[in-house]
Amino acid sequence: MMNCKGQTAVPTVRPATQAGRFYEGNPQVLSHEVDSLLARHANDGTYDNVAALIVPHAGYYFSGNVAASAYARLDPEQKYKRIFLLGPSHHEWLDGASVNTEADYYATPLGQVKVDHETAVLLTNTNSTNDTNRVFFYRPEAHDREHCLEVQLPFLQRFFTLHSSLSTKEVPPIVPIIISTNDFQKLQQIAETLKPYFTDENLFIVSSDFSHYPSYDDACAVDAKTGKAIESGDVSQFIATIQANARSGIRNLATSACGELAIVTLMLMMDSQYQVKHLLYQNSGDIDNYDPTRVVGYHAFAILRGEEKTFSLSDKEKKTLKDIAYNSIKDSLDGKPIIKFSLRECGVANNVQKSKFKAKCGAFVSLHKQGRLRGCIGHFGEDVPLYEIVAEMARAAAFEDPRFQPVTHDELDDLDIEISVLTPMRRIQSLDEFQLHKHGIYIKKGYRSGTFLPQVADEVNWTKEEFVGHCSQDKAGLGWDGWRDAELYVYEAIVF
C-alpha cells in the first residue's frame, strides 16, 4: 500500500475493543471456544443459497450458541466477494448509516480482517449533495466502542479457517455499516443503495439481539411473535409487531429487537424469491438461570435465495386489481379519505393469492376514454405491495398526470383501465438470458440507472444489442457500451 508520494502507507487498523469483554481475549482459548460452538451444529446441514444471516451480538457465553447455529449453515464451497455487516448503534445517534471508510482492517485476537475500502467509500459517495438528505457517511464515534459488528468476526475467521475448502482461508473483505435512524424514507434509501449488492456474490450479516429485560416467559412470548414476523418476509408485519410489542405493557420490555433498523433494511431488499428460515431461539435464561425475571432473547435466521418463480395472474386476480384501481379513483371522487385496501375486503382470502397481491412489483395504470389516453402514471420499483401500488397509480393517473385535467365524476364510467404489472426483477449475467419483446431491461451502475419496458421493443426495429445499448446510453446515461460492466436485470410486463 502506497500513499500519494510513493511512500509505503501504514494500514489503519480498528482495534479489538471488545476482546476480553464480549468474547475471550486469548487467541488459543477463543479459537477453541468458537470451534466448539460451531461443532455443536456440525450435523445441522448447510444451505448453498444463503443470502443473509440474522445473528445475535451478546457475549459468547449467552448468545454464542445461537450465533454458531447460523454460521454453521453457510456452504463451505461458497466464495463470497465481500461481506456486509449491518448492525445498530448502541452509543451514538446518527440519523443515517455510518460506513467505516477509515479502517483498512478490523482486528481480533485471531488476526486482522480486511475492509473493502473501495465499496465503503463508494457508498458514502452515493449521497445527495444536500447534507440534510445524506444517509451514508462516516462517524468514527459510531464504530469506536461498538460491539455488534466486532463480535461477528471471530466466527467468520474460524469458519473460513476450518470449514472452507477454498485455497484462501481468509475472511472476504467486510463492509462495516452501523444504522441508526427513525426516518423510514432514509431506511428505504439505505436499502435501495445496498440492494444492487444483494446478490449471490455477497453475504449480508445483520447483527441483532431481541427482547431486552422482560421475564423468561414474557421473552419467549414476545420473541415468538417477532420471529414469526421476520419469517413472513413482510416488513410491514415486522414493524407492526415491534410496535404492538412496545404497546403491550410487558414489564421491563425495553425493546423487542435492538437491531430493528438493520433488519428493516434487510427486509426492504428482499422480494418474493427469498425464504426466511428460523434456525434457533434461546434467551439468557436458558443459559444462566441466575435471574429469570430479567433476560435477553436471541434468534438466528438464514435468508435463502430461491429459484426465480414464474409470476402470473389469473383472470380473477386481474379483475380484482382492476376493481381496486376503479374503487381507488371512485373513492377519491366521492371525497372519501385515502385508506389502504384490505385484501380480505377485496375478496382475497387464498394464501397463494395473498402472496401475489403482496408481491413487491412495479406497475403502470393507464386510463383511456373513447380510445384516447386520459392519464398514465407508473411506479418502477419493488418497494410497495402490488395491490397498494395499483391503487396509488390509479389515483395518480386520474388526478396527477400533468398532461391532462383531473378526471371528473361524470367520466368515471366511460374510462377503460389498463394495468401493466412489472414482475419481480431477476439479475442476469449475460445478454443470452435476455429475450427481446418478452423482457424489459433495467441497467444499474453506481447511482445511474435506466430501463426500457418490454413494449418498447414492439415500437422500434432494434436488435437485442441495440435495445440494451440505447437503454444504457439514453436512459441510464452510461454510454452505448456502459451496460457491459453494469448490473443487468430483466422483468416482464403483464398487461390487461
Protein backbone atom coordinates (compact mmCIF):
# COMPACT_ATOMS: atom_id res chain seq x y z
CA MET A 1 0.00 0.00 0.00
CA MET A 2 1.47 3.33 -1.15
CA ASN A 3 0.47 6.91 -0.42
CA CYS A 4 0.35 9.71 -2.99
CA LYS A 5 4.08 10.37 -2.52
CA GLY A 6 5.03 6.80 -3.34
CA GLN A 7 5.80 6.00 0.29
CA THR A 8 4.61 2.84 1.99
CA ALA A 9 1.48 3.76 3.94
CA VAL A 10 0.82 2.28 7.34
CA PRO A 11 -2.56 0.48 7.31
CA THR A 12 -5.22 1.79 9.67
CA VAL A 13 -6.42 -0.97 11.97
CA ARG A 14 -9.57 -0.74 14.04
CA PRO A 15 -8.53 -2.43 17.33
CA ALA A 16 -10.34 -5.29 19.05
CA THR A 17 -12.06 -3.15 21.67
CA GLN A 18 -14.38 -5.93 22.89
CA ALA A 19 -11.85 -8.73 23.34
CA GLY A 20 -11.89 -9.81 26.96
CA ARG A 21 -15.38 -8.36 27.36
CA PHE A 22 -17.88 -9.86 24.94
CA TYR A 23 -15.56 -12.68 23.92
CA GLU A 24 -12.30 -14.27 25.04
CA GLY A 25 -9.15 -12.21 24.58
CA ASN A 26 -6.71 -15.12 24.47
CA PRO A 27 -6.43 -16.33 20.83
CA GLN A 28 -5.99 -20.01 21.70
CA VAL A 29 -8.90 -20.04 24.12
CA LEU A 30 -11.04 -18.03 21.69
CA SER A 31 -10.33 -20.41 18.82
CA HIS A 32 -11.25 -23.39 20.98
CA GLU A 33 -14.46 -21.72 22.17
CA VAL A 34 -15.67 -20.77 18.69
CA ASP A 35 -14.69 -24.14 17.22
CA SER A 36 -16.64 -25.91 19.98
CA LEU A 37 -19.71 -23.76 19.34
CA LEU A 38 -19.58 -24.44 15.60
CA ALA A 39 -19.07 -28.16 16.24
CA ARG A 40 -22.38 -28.33 18.12
CA HIS A 41 -24.11 -27.62 14.81
CA ALA A 42 -21.87 -29.66 12.51
CA ASN A 43 -24.72 -32.05 11.71
CA ASP A 44 -27.39 -29.39 11.16
CA GLY A 45 -26.72 -29.29 7.43
CA THR A 46 -25.74 -26.38 5.20
CA TYR A 47 -27.52 -24.21 2.65
CA ASP A 48 -25.97 -23.44 -0.71
CA ASN A 49 -28.07 -20.33 -1.30
CA VAL A 50 -27.63 -18.18 1.82
CA ALA A 51 -28.14 -14.51 1.02
CA ALA A 52 -28.07 -13.23 4.60
CA LEU A 53 -27.91 -14.22 8.24
CA ILE A 54 -29.52 -12.58 11.26
CA VAL A 55 -27.41 -13.34 14.33
CA PRO A 56 -27.13 -12.08 17.92
CA HIS A 57 -24.29 -9.98 19.28
CA ALA A 58 -24.27 -10.56 23.06
CA GLY A 59 -21.38 -12.09 24.95
CA TYR A 60 -20.47 -15.53 23.63
CA TYR A 61 -21.40 -17.09 26.97
CA PHE A 62 -25.01 -16.07 26.37
CA SER A 63 -25.55 -15.92 22.61
CA GLY A 64 -22.61 -17.78 21.09
CA ASN A 65 -24.56 -20.99 20.57
CA VAL A 66 -27.34 -19.21 18.68
CA ALA A 67 -24.85 -17.31 16.53
CA ALA A 68 -22.97 -20.52 15.75
CA SER A 69 -26.20 -22.18 14.58
CA ALA A 70 -26.30 -19.62 11.75
CA TYR A 71 -22.64 -19.58 10.75
CA ALA A 72 -22.57 -23.38 10.63
CA ARG A 73 -25.24 -23.30 7.90
CA LEU A 74 -23.00 -21.47 5.43
CA ASP A 75 -21.80 -23.50 2.46
CA PRO A 76 -18.03 -24.08 2.80
CA GLU A 77 -17.76 -24.15 -1.01
CA GLN A 78 -19.36 -20.74 -1.50
CA LYS A 79 -16.95 -18.00 -2.47
CA TYR A 80 -18.09 -14.51 -1.43
CA LYS A 81 -16.64 -11.33 -2.91
CA ARG A 82 -17.41 -9.33 0.23
CA ILE A 83 -19.43 -9.50 3.44
CA PHE A 84 -21.69 -6.64 4.50
CA LEU A 85 -22.03 -6.28 8.28
CA LEU A 86 -25.12 -4.34 9.39
CA GLY A 87 -25.91 -3.53 12.98
CA PRO A 88 -27.39 -0.98 15.40
CA SER A 89 -25.66 1.85 17.20
CA HIS A 90 -25.59 1.30 20.95
CA HIS A 91 -23.82 4.57 21.79
CA GLU A 92 -24.41 7.28 19.16
CA TRP A 93 -27.48 8.68 17.40
CA LEU A 94 -26.72 9.02 13.69
CA ASP A 95 -29.94 9.60 11.73
CA GLY A 96 -28.45 7.56 8.91
CA ALA A 97 -25.84 4.90 8.26
CA SER A 98 -22.19 5.18 9.18
CA VAL A 99 -19.81 3.21 6.96
CA ASN A 100 -16.25 2.80 8.24
CA THR A 101 -14.19 4.32 5.45
CA GLU A 102 -11.15 4.93 7.66
CA ALA A 103 -10.14 1.42 8.71
CA ASP A 104 -8.18 -0.82 6.36
CA TYR A 105 -8.55 -3.75 8.75
CA TYR A 106 -10.57 -4.83 11.80
CA ALA A 107 -8.53 -6.65 14.41
CA THR A 108 -9.47 -9.53 16.70
CA PRO A 109 -7.21 -11.76 18.81
CA LEU A 110 -7.28 -14.16 15.82
CA GLY A 111 -5.78 -11.67 13.37
CA GLN A 112 -6.98 -8.96 11.02
CA VAL A 113 -9.96 -8.86 8.66
CA LYS A 114 -9.66 -6.67 5.59
CA VAL A 115 -12.18 -3.89 4.96
CA ASP A 116 -13.47 -3.36 1.41
CA HIS A 117 -12.41 0.26 1.46
CA GLU A 118 -13.41 0.92 -2.15
CA THR A 119 -17.02 -0.20 -1.59
CA ALA A 120 -17.23 1.68 1.72
CA VAL A 121 -16.15 4.92 0.04
CA LEU A 122 -18.48 4.29 -2.90
CA LEU A 123 -21.44 4.02 -0.55
CA THR A 124 -20.67 7.34 1.11
CA ASN A 125 -20.42 8.94 -2.34
CA THR A 126 -23.99 7.96 -3.26
CA ASN A 127 -25.46 10.73 -1.11
CA SER A 128 -27.50 13.69 -2.22
CA THR A 129 -25.48 16.90 -2.50
CA ASN A 130 -27.80 18.29 0.18
CA ASP A 131 -26.21 17.40 3.51
CA THR A 132 -29.60 17.18 5.20
CA ASN A 133 -30.55 14.30 2.88
CA ARG A 134 -27.38 12.28 3.35
CA VAL A 135 -27.91 8.72 4.52
CA PHE A 136 -24.38 7.29 4.22
CA PHE A 137 -21.42 8.91 5.95
CA TYR A 138 -18.58 8.03 8.32
CA ARG A 139 -18.78 8.87 12.02
CA PRO A 140 -15.80 7.44 13.94
CA GLU A 141 -17.68 7.53 17.26
CA ALA A 142 -20.29 5.13 15.85
CA HIS A 143 -17.63 2.43 15.40
CA ASP A 144 -15.02 3.07 18.10
CA ARG A 145 -16.84 1.39 21.02
CA GLU A 146 -19.47 -0.54 19.09
CA HIS A 147 -19.52 -4.30 19.69
CA CYS A 148 -22.32 -5.53 17.42
CA LEU A 149 -20.12 -5.98 14.34
CA GLU A 150 -16.84 -6.87 16.01
CA VAL A 151 -18.27 -9.92 17.79
CA GLN A 152 -19.19 -11.48 14.43
CA LEU A 153 -15.60 -11.53 13.19
CA PRO A 154 -14.14 -14.44 15.23
CA PHE A 155 -16.99 -16.65 13.97
CA LEU A 156 -16.17 -15.69 10.39
CA GLN A 157 -12.44 -16.17 10.97
CA ARG A 158 -12.80 -19.65 12.42
CA PHE A 159 -15.44 -20.70 9.88
CA PHE A 160 -13.29 -19.78 6.90
CA THR A 161 -10.20 -21.27 8.52
CA LEU A 162 -11.79 -24.60 9.48
CA HIS A 163 -14.58 -25.22 7.08
CA SER A 164 -13.60 -23.62 3.81
CA SER A 165 -12.08 -25.84 1.12
CA LEU A 166 -11.12 -22.77 -0.87
CA SER A 167 -7.44 -22.06 -1.48
CA THR A 168 -7.61 -19.00 0.73
CA LYS A 169 -8.76 -19.36 4.30
CA GLU A 170 -9.18 -15.63 4.81
CA VAL A 171 -12.46 -13.88 5.53
CA PRO A 172 -13.68 -11.98 2.44
CA PRO A 173 -13.37 -8.20 2.80
CA ILE A 174 -16.04 -6.69 5.03
CA VAL A 175 -18.16 -3.55 4.69
CA PRO A 176 -19.00 -2.38 8.27
CA ILE A 177 -22.24 -0.37 8.47
CA ILE A 178 -23.94 0.99 11.60
CA ILE A 179 -27.57 2.02 11.06
CA SER A 180 -29.40 4.49 13.29
CA THR A 181 -32.42 6.48 12.11
CA ASN A 182 -36.16 6.62 12.76
CA ASP A 183 -36.81 8.02 9.27
CA PHE A 184 -38.40 5.23 7.23
CA GLN A 185 -37.65 7.04 3.97
CA LYS A 186 -33.97 7.03 4.89
CA LEU A 187 -34.13 3.30 5.61
CA GLN A 188 -35.70 2.83 2.18
CA GLN A 189 -32.90 4.87 0.64
CA ILE A 190 -30.27 2.84 2.51
CA ALA A 191 -31.89 -0.39 1.29
CA GLU A 192 -32.17 0.90 -2.28
CA THR A 193 -28.47 1.78 -2.32
CA LEU A 194 -27.45 -1.59 -0.87
CA LYS A 195 -29.79 -3.70 -2.99
CA PRO A 196 -27.51 -3.86 -6.06
CA TYR A 197 -25.00 -5.61 -3.79
CA PHE A 198 -27.65 -8.05 -2.52
CA THR A 199 -26.58 -10.73 -4.98
CA ASP A 200 -25.18 -14.23 -4.77
CA GLU A 201 -21.61 -12.91 -4.83
CA ASN A 202 -22.04 -11.16 -1.46
CA LEU A 203 -23.15 -12.21 2.03
CA PHE A 204 -25.12 -9.91 4.35
CA ILE A 205 -24.92 -10.39 8.11
CA VAL A 206 -27.39 -8.48 10.28
CA SER A 207 -26.49 -8.22 13.95
CA SER A 208 -29.39 -8.08 16.39
CA ASP A 209 -30.44 -9.31 19.81
CA PHE A 210 -34.15 -9.45 20.54
CA SER A 211 -36.23 -8.87 23.68
CA HIS A 212 -34.41 -6.94 26.39
CA TYR A 213 -35.09 -7.44 30.08
CA PRO A 214 -38.58 -8.97 30.39
CA SER A 215 -39.16 -12.15 32.41
CA TYR A 216 -38.25 -15.51 30.89
CA ASP A 217 -41.85 -16.38 29.95
CA ASP A 218 -42.59 -12.93 28.56
CA ALA A 219 -39.40 -13.04 26.49
CA CYS A 220 -40.41 -16.36 24.95
CA ALA A 221 -43.84 -14.97 24.03
CA VAL A 222 -42.59 -11.65 22.65
CA ASP A 223 -39.70 -13.17 20.72
CA ALA A 224 -42.00 -15.79 19.17
CA LYS A 225 -44.19 -13.02 17.72
CA THR A 226 -41.18 -11.08 16.45
CA GLY A 227 -39.66 -14.21 14.95
CA LYS A 228 -42.87 -15.09 13.09
CA ALA A 229 -43.00 -11.57 11.67
CA ILE A 230 -39.45 -11.93 10.31
CA GLU A 231 -40.28 -15.35 8.87
CA SER A 232 -43.19 -13.80 6.97
CA GLY A 233 -40.75 -11.70 4.95
CA ASP A 234 -43.23 -8.81 5.20
CA VAL A 235 -41.52 -5.69 6.51
CA SER A 236 -44.87 -4.05 7.33
CA GLN A 237 -45.80 -7.00 9.52
CA PHE A 238 -42.43 -6.86 11.26
CA ILE A 239 -42.75 -3.14 12.02
CA ALA A 240 -46.33 -3.58 13.21
CA THR A 241 -45.25 -6.42 15.52
CA ILE A 242 -42.44 -4.34 17.02
CA GLN A 243 -44.90 -1.51 17.64
CA ALA A 244 -47.50 -3.85 19.14
CA ASN A 245 -44.87 -5.30 21.48
CA ALA A 246 -43.93 -1.80 22.60
CA ARG A 247 -47.58 -1.04 23.43
CA SER A 248 -48.17 -4.36 25.18
CA GLY A 249 -47.28 -3.12 28.65
CA ILE A 250 -45.00 -6.08 29.29
CA ARG A 251 -42.96 -5.39 32.38
CA ASN A 252 -39.33 -4.32 31.78
CA LEU A 253 -39.54 -4.75 27.99
CA ALA A 254 -37.11 -2.10 26.72
CA THR A 255 -37.10 -3.33 23.11
CA SER A 256 -38.10 -6.43 21.20
CA ALA A 257 -35.26 -6.10 18.65
CA CYS A 258 -32.27 -3.87 19.22
CA GLY A 259 -31.21 -4.37 15.59
CA GLU A 260 -34.67 -3.47 14.30
CA LEU A 261 -33.41 -0.86 11.83
CA ALA A 262 -30.83 -3.20 10.28
CA ILE A 263 -33.50 -5.92 10.00
CA VAL A 264 -35.90 -3.48 8.33
CA THR A 265 -33.15 -2.54 5.87
CA LEU A 266 -32.57 -6.19 5.04
CA MET A 267 -36.29 -6.93 4.61
CA LEU A 268 -36.69 -3.93 2.30
CA MET A 269 -34.14 -5.53 -0.01
CA MET A 270 -35.96 -8.87 -0.08
CA ASP A 271 -38.63 -9.87 -2.57
CA SER A 272 -40.72 -12.99 -3.20
CA GLN A 273 -37.77 -15.13 -4.25
CA TYR A 274 -36.31 -15.04 -0.72
CA GLN A 275 -37.23 -17.50 2.01
CA VAL A 276 -36.59 -16.93 5.71
CA LYS A 277 -35.52 -19.96 7.75
CA HIS A 278 -35.66 -19.78 11.53
CA LEU A 279 -32.68 -21.67 12.95
CA LEU A 280 -32.63 -21.38 16.73
CA TYR A 281 -34.04 -19.40 19.63
CA GLN A 282 -32.72 -19.13 23.17
CA ASN A 283 -32.68 -16.43 25.78
CA SER A 284 -30.23 -15.73 28.54
CA GLY A 285 -32.45 -17.61 30.98
CA ASP A 286 -31.73 -20.82 29.06
CA ILE A 287 -28.02 -20.38 29.66
CA ASP A 288 -27.88 -18.84 33.10
CA ASN A 289 -30.90 -19.08 35.39
CA TYR A 290 -29.47 -16.57 37.84
CA ASP A 291 -32.31 -14.07 37.31
CA PRO A 292 -35.25 -15.40 35.20
CA THR A 293 -37.14 -12.16 35.80
CA ARG A 294 -34.75 -10.21 33.57
CA VAL A 295 -33.48 -11.84 30.37
CA VAL A 296 -32.41 -11.06 26.79
CA GLY A 297 -33.62 -13.01 23.75
CA TYR A 298 -31.55 -14.37 20.85
CA HIS A 299 -32.76 -15.55 17.43
CA ALA A 300 -30.83 -16.86 14.42
CA PHE A 301 -32.24 -16.78 10.87
CA ALA A 302 -30.94 -17.67 7.43
CA ILE A 303 -32.35 -15.84 4.43
CA LEU A 304 -32.20 -18.11 1.40
CA ARG A 305 -32.21 -17.03 -2.20
CA GLY A 306 -34.62 -19.27 -4.11
CA GLU A 307 -35.03 -20.06 -7.75
CA GLU A 308 -36.98 -17.48 -9.71
CA LYS A 309 -40.65 -18.45 -9.85
CA THR A 310 -42.82 -17.55 -12.80
CA PHE A 311 -45.08 -14.69 -11.80
CA SER A 312 -48.55 -14.85 -13.30
CA LEU A 313 -52.05 -13.53 -12.64
CA SER A 314 -55.30 -15.37 -13.21
CA ASP A 315 -58.30 -13.67 -14.83
CA LYS A 316 -59.91 -13.40 -11.40
CA GLU A 317 -56.78 -11.79 -9.93
CA LYS A 318 -56.60 -9.33 -12.82
CA LYS A 319 -60.26 -8.41 -12.28
CA THR A 320 -59.60 -7.85 -8.57
CA LEU A 321 -56.74 -5.47 -9.38
CA LYS A 322 -58.94 -3.57 -11.86
CA ASP A 323 -61.65 -3.31 -9.19
CA ILE A 324 -59.06 -1.93 -6.76
CA ALA A 325 -57.99 0.65 -9.36
CA TYR A 326 -61.59 1.65 -10.13
CA ASN A 327 -62.60 1.93 -6.47
CA SER A 328 -59.48 3.92 -5.67
CA ILE A 329 -60.50 6.53 -8.24
CA LYS A 330 -64.17 6.44 -7.23
CA ASP A 331 -63.42 6.86 -3.53
CA SER A 332 -61.32 9.92 -4.30
CA LEU A 333 -64.11 11.40 -6.41
CA ASP A 334 -66.60 10.68 -3.62
CA GLY A 335 -64.43 12.59 -1.17
CA LYS A 336 -63.56 9.57 0.92
CA PRO A 337 -60.22 9.62 2.74
CA ILE A 338 -57.41 7.63 1.16
CA ILE A 339 -57.00 4.38 3.05
CA LYS A 340 -55.07 1.23 2.38
CA PHE A 341 -57.23 -1.52 0.91
CA SER A 342 -57.72 -4.68 2.92
CA LEU A 343 -57.14 -7.85 0.92
CA ARG A 344 -59.98 -9.51 2.78
CA GLU A 345 -62.32 -6.67 1.80
CA CYS A 346 -61.22 -7.20 -1.80
CA GLY A 347 -62.25 -10.84 -1.57
CA VAL A 348 -58.71 -12.22 -1.37
CA ALA A 349 -58.57 -14.99 1.20
CA ASN A 350 -56.44 -17.63 -0.51
CA ASN A 351 -52.83 -17.61 0.75
CA VAL A 352 -51.43 -18.12 -2.75
CA GLN A 353 -53.40 -15.13 -4.00
CA LYS A 354 -52.33 -13.10 -0.97
CA SER A 355 -48.68 -13.74 -1.78
CA LYS A 356 -49.22 -12.46 -5.32
CA PHE A 357 -51.03 -9.32 -4.23
CA LYS A 358 -48.34 -8.67 -1.61
CA ALA A 359 -45.51 -9.21 -4.11
CA LYS A 360 -43.45 -6.05 -4.45
CA CYS A 361 -43.74 -5.20 -8.12
CA GLY A 362 -43.75 -2.11 -10.22
CA ALA A 363 -46.99 -1.18 -12.00
CA PHE A 364 -48.36 1.32 -14.51
CA VAL A 365 -52.04 2.33 -14.72
CA SER A 366 -53.32 3.85 -17.98
CA LEU A 367 -56.75 5.41 -18.38
CA HIS A 368 -58.43 5.64 -21.79
CA LYS A 369 -61.65 7.40 -22.77
CA GLN A 370 -63.19 6.50 -26.12
CA GLY A 371 -59.88 5.01 -27.19
CA ARG A 372 -57.81 8.07 -26.32
CA LEU A 373 -55.31 8.31 -23.47
CA ARG A 374 -56.77 10.09 -20.43
CA GLY A 375 -53.90 9.58 -17.99
CA CYS A 376 -50.98 7.27 -17.31
CA ILE A 377 -48.72 7.08 -14.26
CA GLY A 378 -46.46 4.26 -13.13
CA HIS A 379 -44.02 3.26 -10.46
CA PHE A 380 -40.89 1.34 -11.34
CA GLY A 381 -39.58 -0.31 -8.20
CA GLU A 382 -40.02 -3.15 -5.77
CA ASP A 383 -40.78 -1.35 -2.52
CA VAL A 384 -44.61 -1.43 -2.34
CA PRO A 385 -47.03 -4.41 -2.44
CA LEU A 386 -48.74 -4.84 -5.81
CA TYR A 387 -52.29 -4.16 -4.67
CA GLU A 388 -51.24 -0.93 -2.94
CA ILE A 389 -49.20 0.37 -5.88
CA VAL A 390 -52.11 -0.28 -8.26
CA ALA A 391 -54.41 1.80 -6.02
CA GLU A 392 -51.85 4.60 -5.78
CA MET A 393 -51.07 4.66 -9.52
CA ALA A 394 -54.78 4.64 -10.43
CA ARG A 395 -55.35 7.77 -8.33
CA ALA A 396 -52.21 9.36 -9.77
CA ALA A 397 -53.26 8.59 -13.36
CA ALA A 398 -56.68 10.09 -12.74
CA PHE A 399 -55.66 13.23 -10.89
CA GLU A 400 -51.91 13.87 -11.14
CA ASP A 401 -50.88 13.34 -14.77
CA PRO A 402 -49.76 16.89 -15.72
CA ARG A 403 -50.78 16.33 -19.35
CA PHE A 404 -54.49 16.15 -18.50
CA GLN A 405 -57.13 17.80 -16.39
CA PRO A 406 -58.19 15.71 -13.37
CA VAL A 407 -60.83 13.08 -14.09
CA THR A 408 -64.37 14.10 -13.14
CA HIS A 409 -67.16 12.02 -11.64
CA ASP A 410 -69.13 12.18 -14.91
CA GLU A 411 -66.26 10.50 -16.78
CA LEU A 412 -65.74 7.59 -14.40
CA ASP A 413 -67.97 5.04 -16.11
CA ASP A 414 -66.56 5.93 -19.54
CA LEU A 415 -62.98 5.10 -18.56
CA ASP A 416 -61.14 1.98 -19.65
CA ILE A 417 -58.48 0.95 -17.14
CA GLU A 418 -55.31 -0.76 -18.35
CA ILE A 419 -52.81 -2.11 -15.83
CA SER A 420 -49.26 -3.15 -16.59
CA VAL A 421 -47.75 -5.22 -13.78
CA LEU A 422 -43.97 -5.46 -13.82
CA THR A 423 -42.92 -8.85 -12.49
CA PRO A 424 -40.14 -9.03 -9.84
CA MET A 425 -36.74 -8.30 -11.33
CA ARG A 426 -34.18 -11.04 -11.91
CA ARG A 427 -30.49 -10.36 -12.32
CA ILE A 428 -28.82 -11.76 -15.43
CA GLN A 429 -25.15 -12.32 -16.14
CA SER A 430 -25.21 -12.13 -19.94
CA LEU A 431 -27.44 -10.95 -22.80
CA ASP A 432 -28.05 -14.60 -23.67
CA GLU A 433 -30.61 -14.56 -20.82
CA PHE A 434 -32.43 -11.52 -22.23
CA GLN A 435 -35.37 -12.12 -24.60
CA LEU A 436 -36.38 -9.24 -26.83
CA HIS A 437 -40.13 -8.44 -26.78
CA LYS A 438 -40.58 -10.58 -23.65
CA HIS A 439 -38.26 -8.89 -21.15
CA GLY A 440 -37.80 -5.35 -20.03
CA ILE A 441 -34.24 -4.37 -19.16
CA TYR A 442 -33.03 -2.49 -16.10
CA ILE A 443 -29.42 -1.30 -16.08
CA LYS A 444 -27.71 -0.04 -12.94
CA LYS A 445 -24.16 1.11 -12.29
CA GLY A 446 -23.34 3.17 -9.22
CA TYR A 447 -26.01 5.83 -8.83
CA ARG A 448 -27.02 5.72 -12.51
CA SER A 449 -29.83 3.53 -13.78
CA GLY A 450 -32.32 3.26 -16.62
CA THR A 451 -34.98 0.95 -18.01
CA PHE A 452 -36.93 0.08 -21.12
CA LEU A 453 -40.30 -1.66 -20.73
CA PRO A 454 -40.81 -4.82 -22.83
CA GLN A 455 -43.34 -2.94 -25.01
CA VAL A 456 -40.59 -0.62 -26.30
CA ALA A 457 -39.29 -3.45 -28.48
CA ASP A 458 -42.67 -3.54 -30.27
CA GLU A 459 -42.37 0.13 -31.18
CA VAL A 460 -38.86 0.09 -32.68
CA ASN A 461 -36.92 -2.09 -35.05
CA TRP A 462 -33.87 -2.72 -32.87
CA THR A 463 -31.75 -5.79 -32.31
CA LYS A 464 -31.20 -7.08 -28.78
CA GLU A 465 -27.83 -5.32 -28.61
CA GLU A 466 -29.34 -2.04 -29.90
CA PHE A 467 -32.18 -2.26 -27.37
CA VAL A 468 -29.70 -2.58 -24.48
CA GLY A 469 -27.28 -0.06 -25.98
CA HIS A 470 -29.99 2.60 -26.33
CA CYS A 471 -31.17 1.96 -22.77
CA SER A 472 -27.62 2.27 -21.48
CA GLN A 473 -26.99 5.46 -23.44
CA ASP A 474 -30.38 7.20 -23.50
CA LYS A 475 -31.87 6.13 -20.16
CA ALA A 476 -29.01 5.30 -17.78
CA GLY A 477 -26.53 7.85 -19.16
CA LEU A 478 -23.74 5.26 -19.18
CA GLY A 479 -22.82 5.45 -22.86
CA TRP A 480 -23.51 2.89 -25.57
CA ASP A 481 -21.28 0.19 -24.08
CA GLY A 482 -21.74 1.19 -20.44
CA TRP A 483 -24.02 -1.82 -19.83
CA ARG A 484 -21.12 -4.24 -20.31
CA ASP A 485 -19.74 -3.69 -16.77
CA ALA A 486 -23.07 -2.69 -15.19
CA GLU A 487 -25.64 -4.80 -13.36
CA LEU A 488 -28.38 -6.09 -15.65
CA TYR A 489 -31.88 -7.12 -14.56
CA VAL A 490 -34.83 -8.40 -16.56
CA TYR A 491 -38.55 -8.38 -15.82
CA GLU A 492 -41.78 -8.95 -17.70
CA ALA A 493 -44.93 -6.89 -18.05
CA ILE A 494 -48.38 -8.43 -17.58
CA VAL A 495 -50.73 -6.06 -19.42
CA PHE A 496 -54.50 -6.28 -19.02
